[in-house]
Protein backbone atom coordinates (compact mmCIF):
# COMPACT_ATOMS: atom_id res chain seq x y z
CA UNK A 1 5.65 42.38 -2.60
CA UNK A 2 1.85 44.13 -3.59
CA UNK A 3 2.19 44.43 -6.90
CA UNK A 4 0.42 43.97 -10.42
CA UNK A 5 -0.51 40.49 -9.28
CA UNK A 6 -1.87 41.06 -5.57
CA UNK A 7 -0.84 41.63 -2.55
CA UNK A 8 1.71 40.20 -0.65
CA UNK A 9 1.95 36.29 0.38
CA UNK A 10 4.10 35.95 2.42
CA UNK A 11 5.89 31.88 2.77
CA UNK A 12 4.91 30.27 5.49
CA UNK A 13 7.76 27.77 7.51
CA UNK A 14 6.54 25.14 8.60
CA UNK A 15 6.39 23.52 12.01
CA UNK A 16 9.39 20.81 13.38
CA UNK A 17 7.42 18.10 15.31
CA UNK A 18 8.97 18.28 19.26
CA UNK A 19 9.37 14.49 19.86
CA UNK A 20 9.65 12.76 23.30
CA UNK A 21 10.67 9.23 23.11
CA UNK A 22 13.46 7.60 20.73
CA UNK A 23 12.27 4.23 18.94
CA UNK A 24 15.13 2.01 16.65
CA UNK A 25 13.62 -0.17 14.04
CA UNK A 26 14.48 -2.27 11.57
CA UNK A 27 11.40 -3.42 10.28
CA UNK A 28 8.68 -2.46 8.66
CA UNK A 29 5.83 -3.40 11.11
CA UNK A 30 7.95 -1.97 13.48
CA UNK A 31 8.13 1.60 11.85
CA UNK A 32 4.33 1.07 11.63
CA UNK A 33 3.87 0.86 15.33
CA UNK A 34 6.34 3.29 16.14
CA UNK A 35 5.28 5.82 13.61
CA UNK A 36 1.50 5.58 14.86
CA UNK A 37 2.22 7.23 18.60
CA UNK A 38 3.15 11.25 18.76
CA UNK A 39 6.06 12.63 19.73
CA UNK A 40 8.33 10.37 18.53
CA UNK A 41 11.97 10.16 16.98
CA UNK A 42 11.69 7.00 14.80
CA UNK A 43 15.81 5.96 13.96
CA UNK A 44 15.89 3.59 11.06
CA UNK A 45 18.72 1.01 10.58
CA UNK A 46 16.91 -1.38 8.40
CA UNK A 47 15.84 -2.36 4.87
CA UNK A 48 12.86 -2.84 3.81
CA UNK A 49 10.60 -3.13 0.32
CA UNK A 50 7.16 -2.25 1.36
CA UNK A 51 4.96 0.45 1.92
CA UNK A 52 4.71 2.02 5.11
CA UNK A 53 2.83 5.47 6.94
CA UNK A 54 3.68 8.21 9.23
CA UNK A 55 -0.40 8.01 10.92
CA UNK A 56 0.90 10.32 14.10
CA UNK A 57 1.53 13.63 14.70
CA UNK A 58 5.15 14.23 16.36
CA UNK A 59 7.20 12.34 14.23
CA UNK A 60 10.69 12.37 13.33
CA UNK A 61 12.45 9.63 10.69
CA UNK A 62 15.56 9.36 10.44
CA UNK A 63 17.55 6.89 8.01
CA UNK A 64 20.51 5.52 8.83
CA UNK A 65 23.01 6.28 5.73
CA UNK A 66 23.37 2.56 4.40
CA UNK A 67 19.25 1.87 4.63
CA UNK A 68 16.83 1.98 1.24
CA UNK A 69 13.43 1.18 2.58
CA UNK A 70 10.05 1.72 0.51
CA UNK A 71 7.42 3.40 -0.04
CA UNK A 72 6.90 5.95 2.51
CA UNK A 73 2.66 7.79 3.17
CA UNK A 74 2.25 11.02 6.04
CA UNK A 75 -1.26 10.39 6.58
CA UNK A 76 -3.68 7.01 6.22
CA UNK A 77 -6.64 6.13 5.45
CA UNK A 78 -8.12 7.07 9.17
CA UNK A 79 -6.11 9.57 10.26
CA UNK A 80 -5.01 12.22 6.54
CA UNK A 81 -4.45 15.40 9.29
CA UNK A 82 -1.14 14.31 10.39
CA UNK A 83 0.95 17.51 11.29
CA UNK A 84 4.76 18.21 11.87
CA UNK A 85 6.53 15.21 10.55
CA UNK A 86 10.40 15.76 9.36
CA UNK A 87 12.25 12.94 7.74
CA UNK A 88 15.83 13.24 7.42
CA UNK A 89 19.44 11.96 7.27
CA UNK A 90 21.46 11.76 10.51
CA UNK A 91 22.65 15.32 12.13
CA UNK A 92 25.77 16.56 9.99
CA UNK A 93 25.08 13.72 6.98
CA UNK A 94 23.60 12.33 3.67
CA UNK A 95 20.81 9.41 5.06
CA UNK A 96 19.59 6.73 3.31
CA UNK A 97 16.68 6.27 0.68
CA UNK A 98 13.07 5.28 0.10
CA UNK A 99 10.80 4.73 -2.55
CA UNK A 100 7.94 7.00 -3.39
CA UNK A 101 6.55 10.13 -0.77
CA UNK A 102 2.94 10.34 -0.25
CA UNK A 103 1.31 13.02 1.71
CA UNK A 104 -2.55 12.61 2.41
CA UNK A 105 -4.88 15.33 1.95
CA UNK A 106 -4.43 17.94 5.25
CA UNK A 107 -1.80 16.54 6.61
CA UNK A 108 0.43 20.06 7.17
CA UNK A 109 4.49 21.20 8.23
CA UNK A 110 6.04 18.88 6.25
CA UNK A 111 9.99 18.77 5.81
CA UNK A 112 12.61 15.90 4.19
CA UNK A 113 16.33 17.10 4.61
CA UNK A 114 19.29 15.01 2.62
CA UNK A 115 17.87 11.26 2.10
CA UNK A 116 17.48 10.06 -1.27
CA UNK A 117 14.04 9.25 -3.29
CA UNK A 118 13.56 6.37 -5.99
CA UNK A 119 10.50 6.90 -6.80
CA UNK A 120 9.17 2.74 -6.07
CA UNK A 121 5.95 2.11 -4.32
CA UNK A 122 3.83 -0.52 -4.14
CA UNK A 123 0.74 0.20 -4.92
CA UNK A 124 0.03 -2.39 -8.18
CA UNK A 125 -1.22 0.47 -10.77
CA UNK A 126 1.45 2.40 -13.40
CA UNK A 127 -1.06 5.43 -12.90
CA UNK A 128 -0.66 5.24 -8.98
CA UNK A 129 3.81 4.19 -9.13
CA UNK A 130 7.00 5.60 -10.65
CA UNK A 131 5.98 8.51 -8.58
CA UNK A 132 8.73 10.30 -6.38
CA UNK A 133 6.05 12.20 -4.67
CA UNK A 134 2.90 12.90 -4.38
CA UNK A 135 1.38 15.36 -2.93
CA UNK A 136 -1.68 16.23 -2.00
CA UNK A 137 -3.18 19.03 -0.76
CA UNK A 138 -0.70 19.34 1.85
CA UNK A 139 0.41 23.36 3.53
CA UNK A 140 3.73 23.90 4.71
CA UNK A 141 6.24 21.11 2.55
CA UNK A 142 10.05 22.27 2.65
CA UNK A 143 11.94 19.50 0.42
CA UNK A 144 16.03 20.50 1.45
CA UNK A 145 18.94 18.85 -0.25
CA UNK A 146 17.14 15.66 -1.44
CA UNK A 147 18.15 13.50 -4.79
CA UNK A 148 15.45 12.59 -6.53
CA UNK A 149 15.14 10.03 -9.40
CA UNK A 150 11.05 8.57 -10.67
CA UNK A 151 11.16 6.17 -13.87
CA UNK A 152 7.51 8.55 -14.55
CA UNK A 153 7.25 11.84 -12.39
CA UNK A 154 9.40 13.41 -9.77
CA UNK A 155 6.33 15.26 -8.64
CA UNK A 156 2.20 15.37 -9.45
CA UNK A 157 1.12 17.40 -6.29
CA UNK A 158 -0.82 20.36 -4.97
CA UNK A 159 0.87 21.77 -2.39
CA UNK A 160 0.96 25.19 -0.76
CA UNK A 161 3.81 27.30 0.60
CA UNK A 162 6.27 24.95 -1.51
CA UNK A 163 10.18 25.02 -0.78
CA UNK A 164 12.10 22.84 -2.99
CA UNK A 165 15.90 24.17 -2.13
CA UNK A 166 19.82 22.18 -3.20
CA UNK A 167 17.92 19.55 -4.03
CA UNK A 168 17.95 17.40 -7.80
CA UNK A 169 15.81 15.71 -9.53
CA UNK A 170 15.83 13.68 -12.29
CA UNK A 171 12.33 12.08 -14.13
CA UNK A 172 11.35 9.72 -17.10
CA UNK A 173 14.22 7.53 -15.67
CA UNK A 174 12.62 4.83 -17.51
CA UNK A 175 10.38 4.40 -20.90
CA UNK A 176 6.77 4.06 -21.44
CA UNK A 177 6.87 0.43 -22.22
CA UNK A 178 8.73 -0.26 -18.68
CA UNK A 179 6.03 1.52 -17.15
CA UNK A 180 3.12 0.93 -18.53
CA UNK A 181 1.69 4.91 -18.03
CA UNK A 182 3.14 7.51 -20.52
CA UNK A 183 2.97 10.67 -18.63
CA UNK A 184 6.94 11.73 -17.57
CA UNK A 185 6.64 15.35 -15.85
CA UNK A 186 9.12 16.87 -13.44
CA UNK A 187 6.93 19.07 -11.29
CA UNK A 188 3.56 19.65 -11.52
CA UNK A 189 1.88 21.35 -8.39
CA UNK A 190 -1.34 23.21 -8.81
CA UNK A 191 -0.98 25.35 -6.05
CA UNK A 192 1.39 27.95 -4.41
CA UNK A 193 2.69 29.83 -3.35
CA UNK A 194 5.82 27.07 -4.78
CA UNK A 195 9.60 28.13 -4.89
CA UNK A 196 12.60 26.60 -5.64
CA UNK A 197 16.07 27.68 -5.60
CA UNK A 198 19.72 26.32 -5.97
CA UNK A 199 18.39 23.37 -7.28
CA UNK A 200 18.02 21.49 -11.49
CA UNK A 201 14.85 19.82 -12.42
CA UNK A 202 15.84 17.52 -15.46
CA UNK A 203 14.53 14.56 -17.72
CA UNK A 204 13.74 13.51 -20.63
CA UNK A 205 10.12 13.89 -21.60
CA UNK A 206 7.14 16.24 -21.17
CA UNK A 207 7.41 19.39 -19.15
CA UNK A 208 10.62 19.39 -16.24
CA UNK A 209 8.37 22.28 -14.48
CA UNK A 210 4.40 22.31 -15.14
CA UNK A 211 3.20 26.15 -13.87
CA UNK A 212 -0.53 23.74 -13.82
CA UNK A 213 -2.84 26.56 -12.81
CA UNK A 214 -6.60 26.30 -11.08
CA UNK A 215 -8.08 29.65 -10.92
CA UNK A 216 -7.02 29.20 -6.91
CA UNK A 217 -5.82 31.21 -4.67
CA UNK A 218 -2.15 32.98 -4.38
CA UNK A 219 -0.80 30.15 -7.45
CA UNK A 220 2.72 31.91 -7.01
CA UNK A 221 5.45 30.91 -8.91
CA UNK A 222 9.19 31.73 -8.10
CA UNK A 223 12.47 30.40 -9.54
CA UNK A 224 15.81 31.16 -8.73
CA UNK A 225 19.12 30.31 -9.19
CA UNK A 226 17.96 26.85 -10.78
CA UNK A 227 18.96 25.17 -13.89
């Protein structure tokens, strides 16, 4: 509600994707092909370690429980402004695991639900690797029922209208010597509003939660029922 901090800023929920075709994939190349067509539900049935990307609007990705894939990028260099993406486990189940989730500038309306992240990526640069979430200037992002661990930091971002719920994050899972990079934050976000509820954030160094203002609008942070 409105108060000494200013006017009320209602949270905006991400819109869900609308899909009209279903494709099952077991390789990274097949994933990239399927996820470049708008309106596709992609069921991942095989594992790989390389990075893949979602390059179209209205894409839903279902990670089967037994699969493990590399980094996943939403938005690409040629098409950064992707909207309405959901990454989840099968209905009623916890899904498989992906490495780093990277969202490019301009991405909107993303839901991540009931999957695991281990922060692995293929960028080959310590400043880019060892992170679970790399969130650029993204609007409307929900992270639900997610377990994530990262050798470095869990979350570096500037997301607005972000909700993290019923999730468990662990940062600094490896030594500085092992990562080649000293940072090991938990969540560091430079925008808002950001809401965290019914979750756990823990790690070995630096801040579990760093609310870093850059003087932008609506930099609001709300945390409840969270350790």
